[in-house]
Amino acid sequence: MELVRTLSPALLTERWLREVGVDVGPQFESLTRIDHFRCAQTGLEWYVPAEAAGGSTFYRQLERFDWYYMPDKWEFRTALAEISPGHQVLEVGSGVGHFLAAAHEKGIFPTGVELNSSAAKLARALGFVVHEEDIGSLAHRLGPTFDAVCCFQTLEHVPNPGEFLDGMLGTLRTGGKLILSVPNAAVLRVVDPDYQNLLDQPPHHLSHWNEQVFLALEDWFPLKVSAARREPLQPYHTRWLVTAFLRRPFGRRFGRLAFNRYTLAPLLWILRRGPRRLFPGHSLLVICVKTEQA
């Protein structure tokens, strides 16, 4: 285990308020430091203490941004292609129910798990069963009930990913699919090598994942990685990724002067009309098969 860096909760609080308009002060007021570690064996990176993880107040503040709970995502469509009509599927971190609705339209029987009460309430209003319960507790109560378990952009938010994975596997039948999507750390480290993106650190993200880390899980959990799929660059991420790639060699100050909204406009126009799909996007989706009872 390697210590990558130590973060200042006070500095993070200041940046979140100034740059995003989100107040994390009450969340961090009891913390004096946040440590960022890397596992030499698996490549997983994570933050401690667990108290650095965002709570319900933090996520309620993020709900007001229209980009936070998007109704349609690449990973939704990719996952649905892996699940047969008539199957029982559990979505862990179901938000306001966008994936639940898409699964229902395909003839799949979806159930949600969501700890954000306001989001869970909205999903229930659509007619879905949504549990406001820790996944470990749900696994103990229901057992291996589902043909597939999906978890989109949630694994990186939890302070204890090992326990979280155990819980999800505990709800999954042997031979069932565990479908996970996360921000692709292999891409983000190229775009953001100094870990400056606020959304990719506490209290939002508590860990960083790439394909190598998921393959290493085979030695620790009863699962086999059957496929890993990289998201093509999406239109709404094109400016973010291209700007970061172009500015990086020139430094922050000169890069911003040289590559601004006027000089980038022609390149972004071209990329959004097809060639962007040649570039890696934000997310990684991994399909795992449960090999035995967890």
Foldseek 3Di string as FASTA:
>chain_A
DAWPDKDAPVVLQVCCCVPVVFGCCVLCVVPGIKIWDADPQQRKIFIDDQSQADDLSRVVVVVVDCVPDDLDDPLLVVVLVVDAAPFEEEEEQCFQPSSVVVNVVRNYQYAYEHLNVVSQVNNVVVPHHYHNDQLQVVLVVQFQAGLEYEYEAPLQRGRDNVSSVLSRLRNHDAQHKYKYKHFAVVLVCLLPVPPPPSCCDTNNGGMHDHPSNVCVCVVVAQKHWPDKDFDQAALVCLCSSVLSNQLVVVDDPVSCVVDDCVNCVVVSVVCNVPVSRVDTYGMMMIMMGGHDND
